[in-house]
Amino acid sequence: MNRPRVLVAGIGNIFLGDDAFGVEVVQRLARRPQPQGVQVVDFGIRGLDLTYALLDGCGAVVLVDAIPRGGSPGTLHVLEPEVEGSAGPESGDLMLDAHSLDPAKVLRLAAALGSPVKRVLLVGCEPQELGGEEGHMGLSDPVRLAVDEAVPLVESLVAKLLATSEEVPTPGSP
């Protein structure tokens, strides 16, 4: 069997200020060498694309996103959300919006469609501002500094996932 595949997925809207945190982190990671079996992708707000990627045989996923949790702007969080089962693909709760990406909905839809993902980690950053109705581009200073901390944090999580995950066959392998 092959080593487990790990998907690092950046989530966010670059037109909504600090919501671009996940996008910025994975763009930096994509410029760095990654271990074999690791895929780094900027999904932005493309929920359907992320759903299909979760169906493509990865054993673990690290989502990177701005997540307001009431802390100080720039605070990093590592969470392991549980992927809840759903009533099935006919459930209205599984409908994806083409203009936003709700990670919980994506994970539920992927699970309902038979995703092999066994482990989900979320690296989140407390935003300072999310752009408001008119939006704006660019990260606030605390979130920009958190990007520098998040890159090695994600790399260390990926290394642990590769070292401890049970092996997951890639598509087409026996």
Protein backbone atom coordinates (compact mmCIF):
# COMPACT_ATOMS: atom_id res chain seq x y z
CA MET A 1 0.00 0.00 0.00
CA ASN A 2 1.01 3.58 -0.53
CA ARG A 3 1.56 6.16 2.16
CA PRO A 4 -1.62 8.01 3.08
CA ARG A 5 -2.61 10.92 0.94
CA VAL A 6 -3.15 14.17 2.81
CA LEU A 7 -5.04 17.08 1.30
CA VAL A 8 -4.30 20.57 2.62
CA ALA A 9 -7.24 22.73 1.61
CA GLY A 10 -7.22 26.51 1.79
CA ILE A 11 -10.66 28.04 2.22
CA GLY A 12 -11.70 31.67 2.02
CA ASN A 13 -12.79 34.66 0.00
CA ILE A 14 -10.00 37.06 -0.97
CA PHE A 15 -12.54 39.89 -1.28
CA LEU A 16 -13.54 39.68 2.41
CA GLY A 17 -10.42 40.80 4.28
CA ASP A 18 -9.24 38.25 6.83
CA ASP A 19 -11.43 35.55 5.28
CA ALA A 20 -8.50 35.12 2.87
CA PHE A 21 -6.35 33.60 5.65
CA GLY A 22 -6.67 30.00 4.39
CA VAL A 23 -6.00 31.05 0.80
CA GLU A 24 -2.82 32.90 1.81
CA VAL A 25 -1.51 30.01 3.91
CA VAL A 26 -1.92 27.41 1.16
CA GLN A 27 -0.45 29.73 -1.46
CA ARG A 28 2.69 29.93 0.66
CA LEU A 29 2.67 26.17 1.26
CA ALA A 30 2.28 25.52 -2.47
CA ARG A 31 5.58 27.33 -3.09
CA ARG A 32 7.40 25.00 -0.69
CA PRO A 33 8.37 21.38 -1.31
CA GLN A 34 5.82 18.93 0.10
CA PRO A 35 6.28 15.29 1.11
CA GLN A 36 5.17 12.60 -1.30
CA GLY A 37 1.43 12.02 -1.04
CA VAL A 38 0.58 15.56 0.08
CA GLN A 39 -1.56 17.79 -2.10
CA VAL A 40 -1.94 21.51 -1.32
CA VAL A 41 -4.88 23.29 -2.99
CA ASP A 42 -6.43 26.76 -2.78
CA PHE A 43 -10.17 26.05 -2.97
CA GLY A 44 -11.24 29.60 -2.18
CA ILE A 45 -15.05 29.43 -2.18
CA ARG A 46 -15.36 26.40 -4.48
CA GLY A 47 -17.22 23.96 -2.23
CA LEU A 48 -18.10 21.51 -4.99
CA ASP A 49 -14.45 21.24 -6.03
CA LEU A 50 -13.46 20.50 -2.43
CA THR A 51 -16.23 17.88 -2.18
CA TYR A 52 -14.90 16.08 -5.27
CA ALA A 53 -11.33 16.27 -3.90
CA LEU A 54 -12.52 14.59 -0.69
CA LEU A 55 -13.92 11.75 -2.78
CA ASP A 56 -10.61 11.26 -4.60
CA GLY A 57 -8.99 8.89 -2.13
CA CYS A 58 -7.29 11.09 0.46
CA GLY A 59 -7.15 9.61 3.94
CA ALA A 60 -6.84 12.90 5.82
CA VAL A 61 -7.54 16.55 5.19
CA VAL A 62 -6.23 19.70 6.83
CA LEU A 63 -8.65 22.58 6.27
CA VAL A 64 -7.18 26.07 6.67
CA ASP A 65 -9.70 28.86 7.22
CA ALA A 66 -10.59 31.99 9.16
CA ILE A 67 -12.79 30.97 12.09
CA PRO A 68 -14.28 33.49 14.50
CA ARG A 69 -14.30 31.95 17.99
CA GLY A 70 -14.26 35.09 20.14
CA GLY A 71 -10.49 35.25 20.70
CA SER A 72 -7.91 37.87 19.89
CA PRO A 73 -7.37 38.55 16.17
CA GLY A 74 -4.55 36.38 14.81
CA THR A 75 -5.01 33.60 17.37
CA LEU A 76 -4.52 30.18 15.76
CA HIS A 77 -6.70 27.20 16.61
CA VAL A 78 -6.29 23.53 15.72
CA LEU A 79 -9.58 21.65 15.88
CA GLU A 80 -10.63 18.16 14.93
CA PRO A 81 -14.26 18.47 13.84
CA GLU A 82 -16.40 15.38 13.77
CA VAL A 83 -17.93 14.63 10.41
CA GLU A 84 -21.57 14.07 11.20
CA GLY A 85 -23.59 11.64 9.14
CA SER A 86 -26.53 12.94 7.21
CA ALA A 87 -29.92 11.79 6.05
CA GLY A 88 -28.51 11.32 2.57
CA PRO A 89 -27.82 13.29 -0.59
CA GLU A 90 -31.51 14.24 -0.89
CA SER A 91 -31.26 16.33 2.29
CA GLY A 92 -31.60 20.06 1.63
CA ASP A 93 -28.87 20.62 4.22
CA LEU A 94 -26.38 19.20 1.73
CA MET A 95 -27.01 21.86 -0.93
CA LEU A 96 -23.85 23.84 -1.63
CA ASP A 97 -23.79 27.55 -2.42
CA ALA A 98 -21.72 28.48 -5.47
CA HIS A 99 -20.64 31.76 -3.82
CA SER A 100 -19.43 30.51 -0.46
CA LEU A 101 -17.87 27.46 1.11
CA ASP A 102 -19.34 26.02 4.31
CA PRO A 103 -16.79 23.39 5.43
CA ALA A 104 -19.34 21.52 7.57
CA LYS A 105 -21.72 21.14 4.61
CA VAL A 106 -18.89 20.05 2.33
CA LEU A 107 -17.76 17.41 4.83
CA ARG A 108 -21.34 16.12 5.30
CA LEU A 109 -21.92 15.93 1.55
CA ALA A 110 -18.60 14.16 0.95
CA ALA A 111 -19.40 11.67 3.75
CA ALA A 112 -22.87 11.03 2.29
CA LEU A 113 -21.25 10.33 -1.08
CA GLY A 114 -18.77 7.84 0.42
CA SER A 115 -15.66 9.91 1.09
CA PRO A 116 -12.75 7.78 2.41
CA VAL A 117 -11.44 10.63 4.62
CA LYS A 118 -10.74 9.23 8.07
CA ARG A 119 -9.27 12.31 9.74
CA VAL A 120 -10.11 16.02 9.45
CA LEU A 121 -8.11 18.78 11.10
CA LEU A 122 -8.98 22.47 10.95
CA VAL A 123 -6.30 25.12 11.32
CA GLY A 124 -8.22 28.30 11.94
CA CYS A 125 -7.29 31.88 12.59
CA GLU A 126 -9.32 34.40 14.56
CA PRO A 127 -10.12 37.20 12.09
CA GLN A 128 -10.03 40.89 12.92
CA GLU A 129 -12.35 41.90 10.09
CA LEU A 130 -14.19 40.02 7.39
CA GLY A 131 -14.73 42.86 4.92
CA GLY A 132 -18.35 43.75 5.66
CA GLU A 133 -20.98 44.00 2.93
CA GLU A 134 -18.80 46.06 0.61
CA GLY A 135 -15.77 43.83 1.24
CA HIS A 136 -12.12 44.68 0.96
CA MET A 137 -8.93 42.92 -0.01
CA GLY A 138 -5.94 42.32 2.23
CA LEU A 139 -5.32 40.78 5.60
CA SER A 140 -5.23 42.74 8.85
CA ASP A 141 -1.83 42.96 10.57
CA PRO A 142 -2.57 40.30 13.24
CA VAL A 143 -3.83 37.82 10.66
CA ARG A 144 -0.91 38.52 8.31
CA LEU A 145 1.46 37.67 11.19
CA ALA A 146 -0.56 34.52 11.94
CA VAL A 147 0.02 33.31 8.37
CA ASP A 148 3.75 33.17 9.15
CA GLU A 149 2.99 30.95 12.17
CA ALA A 150 0.40 28.83 10.37
CA VAL A 151 2.70 27.62 7.58
CA PRO A 152 5.05 25.61 9.86
CA LEU A 153 2.08 24.57 12.02
CA VAL A 154 0.34 23.00 9.01
CA GLU A 155 3.58 21.35 7.92
CA SER A 156 4.01 19.79 11.37
CA LEU A 157 0.40 18.52 11.36
CA VAL A 158 0.91 16.99 7.91
CA ALA A 159 4.10 15.27 9.08
CA LYS A 160 2.23 13.80 12.07
CA LEU A 161 -0.64 12.65 9.84
CA LEU A 162 1.79 10.94 7.48
CA ALA A 163 3.63 9.28 10.37
CA THR A 164 0.61 8.08 12.34
CA SER A 165 -2.21 7.51 9.86
CA GLU A 166 -3.01 4.03 8.72
CA GLU A 167 -2.18 3.63 5.10
CA VAL A 168 -4.90 4.43 2.63
CA PRO A 169 -4.65 3.07 -0.91
CA THR A 170 -4.65 5.63 -3.66
CA PRO A 171 -7.20 5.19 -6.45
CA GLY A 172 -6.21 2.33 -8.74
CA SER A 173 -3.94 0.57 -6.25
CA PRO A 174 -4.72 -2.99 -5.07
